[in-house]
C-alpha atoms as a PDB file:
ATOM      1  CA  MET A   1      11.308  15.677  25.992  1.00  0.00           C
ATOM      2  CA  PRO A   2      13.235  13.068  23.998  1.00  0.00           C
ATOM      3  CA  ASN A   3      10.270  10.764  23.919  1.00  0.00           C
ATOM      4  CA  ASN A   4       8.187  13.214  22.291  1.00  0.00           C
ATOM      5  CA  ARG A   5      10.922  14.164  19.850  1.00  0.00           C
ATOM      6  CA  ARG A   6      11.036  10.373  18.876  1.00  0.00           C
ATOM      7  CA  LEU A   7       7.208  10.375  18.374  1.00  0.00           C
ATOM      8  CA  ILE A   8       7.421  13.428  16.141  1.00  0.00           C
ATOM      9  CA  ILE A   9      10.194  11.847  14.024  1.00  0.00           C
ATOM     10  CA  LEU A  10       8.156   8.573  13.666  1.00  0.00           C
ATOM     11  CA  LEU A  11       5.125  10.727  12.535  1.00  0.00           C
ATOM     12  CA  CYS A  12       7.303  12.517  10.055  1.00  0.00           C
ATOM     13  CA  ILE A  13       8.669   9.330   8.631  1.00  0.00           C
ATOM     14  CA  SER A  14       4.918   8.115   8.330  1.00  0.00           C
ATOM     15  CA  ALA A  15       4.077  11.309   6.559  1.00  0.00           C
ATOM     16  CA  ILE A  16       7.085  10.857   3.985  1.00  0.00           C
ATOM     17  CA  LEU A  17       5.854   7.290   3.406  1.00  0.00           C
ATOM     18  CA  LEU A  18       2.380   8.777   2.333  1.00  0.00           C
ATOM     19  CA  LEU A  19       4.154  11.125  -0.038  1.00  0.00           C
ATOM     20  CA  ILE A  20       5.607   8.294  -1.893  1.00  0.00           C
ATOM     21  CA  PRO A  21       2.355   7.134  -3.835  1.00  0.00           C
ATOM     22  CA  LEU A  22       1.283  10.829  -4.026  1.00  0.00           C
ATOM     23  CA  VAL A  23       4.426  11.731  -6.080  1.00  0.00           C
ATOM     24  CA  ALA A  24       4.245   8.483  -7.903  1.00  0.00           C
ATOM     25  CA  MET A  25       0.669   9.344  -9.110  1.00  0.00           C
ATOM     26  CA  GLN A  26       2.088  12.612 -10.713  1.00  0.00           C
ATOM     27  CA  PHE A  27       4.334  10.449 -13.096  1.00  0.00           C
ATOM     28  CA  THR A  28       2.574   7.354 -13.828  1.00  0.00           C
ATOM     29  CA  ASP A  29      -1.104   5.879 -14.310  1.00  0.00           C
ATOM     30  CA  GLU A  30      -0.038   2.696 -12.523  1.00  0.00           C
ATOM     31  CA  VAL A  31      -0.528   4.345  -9.081  1.00  0.00           C
ATOM     32  CA  GLN A  32      -4.158   5.178  -8.634  1.00  0.00           C
ATOM     33  CA  TRP A  33      -5.052   6.137  -5.018  1.00  0.00           C
ATOM     34  CA  ASP A  34      -7.963   8.040  -4.029  1.00  0.00           C
ATOM     35  CA  ALA A  35      -8.703   9.817  -0.814  1.00  0.00           C
ATOM     36  CA  MET A  36      -9.907   6.720   0.950  1.00  0.00           C
ATOM     37  CA  ASP A  37      -6.696   4.977   0.215  1.00  0.00           C
ATOM     38  CA  PHE A  38      -4.551   7.623   1.662  1.00  0.00           C
ATOM     39  CA  ALA A  39      -6.953   7.851   4.675  1.00  0.00           C
ATOM     40  CA  PHE A  40      -6.698   4.081   5.296  1.00  0.00           C
ATOM     41  CA  MET A  41      -2.861   3.947   4.921  1.00  0.00           C
ATOM     42  CA  GLY A  42      -2.469   7.036   7.061  1.00  0.00           C
ATOM     43  CA  ALA A  43      -4.674   5.361   9.854  1.00  0.00           C
ATOM     44  CA  LEU A  44      -2.703   2.127   9.479  1.00  0.00           C
ATOM     45  CA  LEU A  45       0.631   3.924   9.775  1.00  0.00           C
ATOM     46  CA  LEU A  46      -0.671   6.027  12.606  1.00  0.00           C
ATOM     47  CA  GLY A  47      -1.823   3.088  14.531  1.00  0.00           C
ATOM     48  CA  PHE A  48       1.722   1.309  14.029  1.00  0.00           C
ATOM     49  CA  VAL A  49       3.572   4.453  15.053  1.00  0.00           C
ATOM     50  CA  LEU A  50       1.337   4.799  18.202  1.00  0.00           C
ATOM     51  CA  ALA A  51       1.591   1.044  18.987  1.00  0.00           C
ATOM     52  CA  LEU A  52       5.460   1.305  18.567  1.00  0.00           C
ATOM     53  CA  GLU A  53       5.614   4.439  20.850  1.00  0.00           C
ATOM     54  CA  PHE A  54       3.517   2.690  23.416  1.00  0.00           C
ATOM     55  CA  THR A  55       5.840  -0.413  23.309  1.00  0.00           C
ATOM     56  CA  LEU A  56       8.942   1.651  23.607  1.00  0.00           C
ATOM     57  CA  ARG A  57       7.560   3.846  26.570  1.00  0.00           C
ATOM     58  CA  ARG A  58       5.581   1.359  28.666  1.00  0.00           C
ATOM     59  CA  ILE A  59       6.550  -2.401  27.934  1.00  0.00           C
ATOM     60  CA  ARG A  60       9.463  -3.935  29.695  1.00  0.00           C
ATOM     61  CA  ARG A  61      12.713  -4.036  27.861  1.00  0.00           C
ATOM     62  CA  GLU A  62      12.877  -7.887  27.559  1.00  0.00           C
ATOM     63  CA  HIS A  63       9.397  -7.982  25.923  1.00  0.00           C
ATOM     64  CA  ARG A  64       9.879  -5.044  23.509  1.00  0.00           C
ATOM     65  CA  PRO A  65      11.562  -7.009  20.620  1.00  0.00           C
ATOM     66  CA  TRP A  66       8.769  -9.592  20.366  1.00  0.00           C
ATOM     67  CA  ILE A  67       6.023  -6.942  20.580  1.00  0.00           C
ATOM     68  CA  ILE A  68       7.705  -4.808  17.877  1.00  0.00           C
ATOM     69  CA  ILE A  69       8.236  -7.847  15.650  1.00  0.00           C
ATOM     70  CA  ILE A  70       4.464  -8.755  15.947  1.00  0.00           C
ATOM     71  CA  ALA A  71       3.558  -5.079  15.247  1.00  0.00           C
ATOM     72  CA  VAL A  72       5.627  -5.078  11.950  1.00  0.00           C
ATOM     73  CA  VAL A  73       4.318  -8.338  10.898  1.00  0.00           C
ATOM     74  CA  LEU A  74       0.764  -7.180  11.283  1.00  0.00           C
ATOM     75  CA  LEU A  75       1.472  -3.990   9.422  1.00  0.00           C
ATOM     76  CA  LEU A  76       3.040  -5.710   6.572  1.00  0.00           C
ATOM     77  CA  LEU A  77       0.245  -8.522   6.377  1.00  0.00           C
ATOM     78  CA  ILE A  78      -2.703  -5.737   6.315  1.00  0.00           C
ATOM     79  CA  TRP A  79      -0.643  -3.704   3.852  1.00  0.00           C
ATOM     80  CA  ALA A  80      -0.299  -6.898   1.663  1.00  0.00           C
ATOM     81  CA  GLU A  81      -3.791  -7.780   1.971  1.00  0.00           C
ATOM     82  CA  MET A  82      -5.008  -4.221   1.022  1.00  0.00           C
ATOM     83  CA  ALA A  83      -2.573  -3.847  -1.689  1.00  0.00           C
ATOM     84  CA  VAL A  84      -2.793  -7.062  -3.666  1.00  0.00           C
ATOM     85  CA  GLY A  85      -5.510  -9.218  -1.806  1.00  0.00           C
ATOM     86  CA  LEU A  86      -2.954 -11.661  -0.437  1.00  0.00           C
ATOM     87  CA  PHE A  87      -5.626 -13.723   1.554  1.00  0.00           C
ATOM     88  CA  GLY A  88      -8.689 -12.890  -0.728  1.00  0.00           C
ATOM     89  CA  THR A  89     -10.587 -11.131   2.053  1.00  0.00           C
ATOM     90  CA  PRO A  90     -13.242  -8.523   1.230  1.00  0.00           C
ATOM     91  CA  LEU A  91     -10.858  -5.847   2.690  1.00  0.00           C
ATOM     92  CA  ALA A  92      -8.810  -6.101  -0.496  1.00  0.00           C
ATOM     93  CA  GLY A  93     -11.743  -4.592  -2.458  1.00  0.00           C
ATOM     94  CA  SER A  94     -11.509  -7.140  -5.266  1.00  0.00           C
END
């Protein structure tokens, strides 16, 4: 049961992170997300949370830090590419 509790907490944190741009859109015109932006970021966060949970449940303790670091770096690189086109790929939409 504690492992399911950890998953629920991680999913709630992801939902709270998705609320940040939603609230910001109410106060400024600089944040302009549409449904696809929320869907993609939700999928990205869900994939990260599931990868993190899988790592914590199934991967041996000595390998966990490296896998978690790789997952965090991939999350940040994909997020940066989608946000500002860090690498100039077509994924950035620019």
